[in-house]
N, C-alpha and C. Protein backbone atom coordinates (compact mmCIF):
# COMPACT_ATOMS: atom_id res chain seq x y z
N MET A 1 200.56 -5.04 53.03
CA MET A 1 199.54 -5.91 52.49
C MET A 1 198.31 -5.08 52.12
N TYR A 2 197.57 -5.58 51.18
CA TYR A 2 196.35 -4.90 50.77
C TYR A 2 195.24 -5.14 51.79
N CYS A 3 194.52 -4.09 52.15
CA CYS A 3 193.38 -4.22 53.06
C CYS A 3 192.10 -4.04 52.26
N TYR A 4 191.29 -5.08 52.24
CA TYR A 4 190.03 -5.07 51.50
C TYR A 4 189.10 -3.99 52.03
N THR A 5 189.07 -3.77 53.33
CA THR A 5 188.19 -2.78 53.93
C THR A 5 188.65 -1.36 53.63
N CYS A 6 189.95 -1.09 53.76
CA CYS A 6 190.49 0.25 53.50
C CYS A 6 190.58 0.54 52.00
N GLY A 7 190.72 -0.51 51.21
CA GLY A 7 190.85 -0.34 49.77
C GLY A 7 192.23 0.14 49.35
N SER A 8 193.24 -0.14 50.18
CA SER A 8 194.60 0.28 49.87
C SER A 8 195.61 -0.61 50.59
N ASP A 9 196.88 -0.44 50.22
CA ASP A 9 197.94 -1.16 50.92
C ASP A 9 198.16 -0.51 52.28
N GLU A 10 198.08 -1.31 53.33
CA GLU A 10 198.24 -0.82 54.69
C GLU A 10 199.17 -1.75 55.46
N GLN A 11 199.77 -1.25 56.54
CA GLN A 11 200.56 -2.09 57.42
C GLN A 11 199.63 -3.06 58.14
N HIS A 12 200.08 -4.30 58.29
CA HIS A 12 199.36 -5.31 59.05
C HIS A 12 200.31 -5.90 60.07
N ARG A 13 199.76 -6.38 61.17
CA ARG A 13 200.61 -6.98 62.21
C ARG A 13 200.00 -8.31 62.63
N PRO A 14 200.84 -9.21 63.16
CA PRO A 14 200.32 -10.47 63.70
C PRO A 14 199.43 -10.19 64.91
N LEU A 15 198.56 -11.11 65.22
CA LEU A 15 197.65 -10.95 66.35
C LEU A 15 198.35 -11.24 67.68
N THR A 16 197.91 -10.56 68.72
CA THR A 16 198.40 -10.84 70.07
C THR A 16 197.71 -12.11 70.58
N ALA A 17 198.16 -12.64 71.70
CA ALA A 17 197.55 -13.84 72.27
C ALA A 17 196.07 -13.62 72.60
N ALA A 18 195.75 -12.46 73.16
CA ALA A 18 194.35 -12.16 73.50
C ALA A 18 193.49 -12.06 72.23
N GLU A 19 194.03 -11.46 71.19
CA GLU A 19 193.29 -11.34 69.92
C GLU A 19 193.09 -12.71 69.28
N LYS A 20 194.10 -13.56 69.36
CA LYS A 20 193.96 -14.93 68.83
C LYS A 20 192.87 -15.68 69.57
N ALA A 21 192.83 -15.54 70.89
CA ALA A 21 191.80 -16.20 71.70
C ALA A 21 190.42 -15.71 71.30
N TRP A 22 190.26 -14.42 71.09
CA TRP A 22 188.98 -13.86 70.68
C TRP A 22 188.55 -14.43 69.33
N LEU A 23 189.49 -14.46 68.37
CA LEU A 23 189.17 -14.94 67.03
C LEU A 23 188.84 -16.43 67.03
N LYS A 24 189.56 -17.21 67.82
CA LYS A 24 189.23 -18.64 67.93
C LYS A 24 187.81 -18.82 68.45
N ASN A 25 187.45 -18.06 69.47
CA ASN A 25 186.11 -18.14 70.04
C ASN A 25 185.06 -17.68 69.02
N ARG A 26 185.35 -16.63 68.28
CA ARG A 26 184.41 -16.05 67.32
C ARG A 26 184.17 -16.97 66.13
N THR A 27 185.24 -17.64 65.65
CA THR A 27 185.13 -18.45 64.43
C THR A 27 185.02 -19.94 64.68
N GLY A 28 185.43 -20.41 65.87
CA GLY A 28 185.43 -21.84 66.15
C GLY A 28 186.64 -22.56 65.55
N ARG A 29 187.58 -21.83 65.01
CA ARG A 29 188.80 -22.43 64.45
C ARG A 29 189.74 -22.85 65.57
N LYS A 30 190.49 -23.93 65.32
CA LYS A 30 191.48 -24.37 66.31
C LYS A 30 192.76 -23.57 66.21
N SER A 31 193.08 -23.10 65.01
CA SER A 31 194.31 -22.34 64.81
C SER A 31 193.98 -21.06 64.04
N VAL A 32 194.55 -19.95 64.50
CA VAL A 32 194.38 -18.67 63.82
C VAL A 32 195.74 -17.98 63.62
N GLU A 33 196.78 -18.80 63.58
CA GLU A 33 198.15 -18.27 63.46
C GLU A 33 198.39 -17.53 62.15
N GLU A 34 197.61 -17.80 61.13
CA GLU A 34 197.84 -17.23 59.80
C GLU A 34 197.23 -15.84 59.62
N PHE A 35 196.54 -15.32 60.63
CA PHE A 35 195.83 -14.05 60.49
C PHE A 35 196.67 -12.85 60.89
N PHE A 36 196.42 -11.74 60.19
CA PHE A 36 197.04 -10.46 60.45
C PHE A 36 195.94 -9.42 60.56
N MET A 37 196.20 -8.36 61.32
CA MET A 37 195.23 -7.28 61.49
C MET A 37 195.75 -6.01 60.84
N CYS A 38 194.86 -5.29 60.14
CA CYS A 38 195.21 -4.00 59.56
C CYS A 38 195.53 -3.02 60.68
N SER A 39 196.65 -2.32 60.56
CA SER A 39 197.10 -1.40 61.61
C SER A 39 196.56 0.02 61.43
N LYS A 40 195.83 0.28 60.35
CA LYS A 40 195.28 1.62 60.15
C LYS A 40 194.28 1.92 61.27
N PRO A 41 194.40 3.07 61.93
CA PRO A 41 193.50 3.39 63.05
C PRO A 41 192.03 3.27 62.64
N GLY A 42 191.29 2.53 63.47
CA GLY A 42 189.86 2.36 63.24
C GLY A 42 189.48 1.21 62.34
N CYS A 43 190.41 0.61 61.62
CA CYS A 43 190.06 -0.46 60.68
C CYS A 43 189.98 -1.81 61.38
N ARG A 44 191.13 -2.37 61.77
CA ARG A 44 191.23 -3.65 62.49
C ARG A 44 190.68 -4.84 61.70
N ASN A 45 190.67 -4.74 60.36
CA ASN A 45 190.23 -5.82 59.49
C ASN A 45 191.22 -6.98 59.53
N LEU A 46 190.72 -8.20 59.42
CA LEU A 46 191.57 -9.39 59.44
C LEU A 46 191.76 -9.95 58.05
N ARG A 47 192.95 -10.47 57.80
CA ARG A 47 193.27 -11.17 56.57
C ARG A 47 194.36 -12.19 56.85
N THR A 48 194.58 -13.09 55.91
CA THR A 48 195.72 -14.01 56.01
C THR A 48 196.79 -13.50 55.06
N GLY A 49 197.93 -14.17 55.05
CA GLY A 49 198.99 -13.77 54.14
C GLY A 49 198.62 -13.93 52.68
N PHE A 50 197.74 -14.87 52.37
CA PHE A 50 197.37 -15.14 50.98
C PHE A 50 195.95 -14.70 50.63
N ASN A 51 195.07 -14.59 51.61
CA ASN A 51 193.67 -14.28 51.34
C ASN A 51 193.32 -12.93 51.96
N GLN A 52 193.07 -11.94 51.10
CA GLN A 52 192.77 -10.61 51.62
C GLN A 52 191.33 -10.46 52.09
N HIS A 53 190.46 -11.42 51.79
CA HIS A 53 189.05 -11.35 52.19
C HIS A 53 188.59 -12.72 52.67
N PRO A 54 189.13 -13.19 53.83
CA PRO A 54 188.83 -14.56 54.26
C PRO A 54 187.44 -14.75 54.87
N PHE A 55 186.77 -13.67 55.26
CA PHE A 55 185.46 -13.79 55.92
C PHE A 55 184.42 -12.98 55.17
N ASP A 56 183.24 -13.54 55.03
CA ASP A 56 182.12 -12.82 54.45
C ASP A 56 180.91 -13.06 55.33
N PRO A 57 180.48 -12.09 56.10
CA PRO A 57 180.91 -10.70 56.13
C PRO A 57 182.26 -10.53 56.82
N VAL A 58 182.84 -9.35 56.63
CA VAL A 58 184.14 -9.01 57.20
C VAL A 58 184.12 -9.14 58.72
N ILE A 59 185.20 -9.68 59.27
CA ILE A 59 185.37 -9.72 60.73
C ILE A 59 186.47 -8.74 61.09
N ARG A 60 186.15 -7.85 62.03
CA ARG A 60 187.14 -6.91 62.55
C ARG A 60 187.33 -7.20 64.03
N LEU A 61 188.56 -7.08 64.48
CA LEU A 61 188.81 -7.24 65.91
C LEU A 61 188.20 -6.07 66.66
N PRO A 62 187.61 -6.33 67.82
CA PRO A 62 187.07 -5.22 68.61
C PRO A 62 188.18 -4.33 69.14
N GLN A 63 187.85 -3.08 69.41
CA GLN A 63 188.82 -2.16 69.99
C GLN A 63 189.19 -2.64 71.39
N PRO A 64 190.45 -2.51 71.78
CA PRO A 64 190.86 -2.93 73.13
C PRO A 64 190.18 -2.06 74.19
N ASP A 65 189.97 -2.64 75.35
CA ASP A 65 189.33 -1.90 76.44
C ASP A 65 190.27 -0.91 77.07
């Protein structure tokens, strides 16, 4: 999938349960099943399958502890 932040096609993966919980809390959405995270090291940009830039400003998942 294309990553708006990286400016190129990058691998994306579905969110883990902990990441979904964080995103729900951050956005107030009830469902975040449609989101994917860029797998390029350091990026962590979020997108959906159809919308490469769903948030303005960009939301990135925080680095795991």
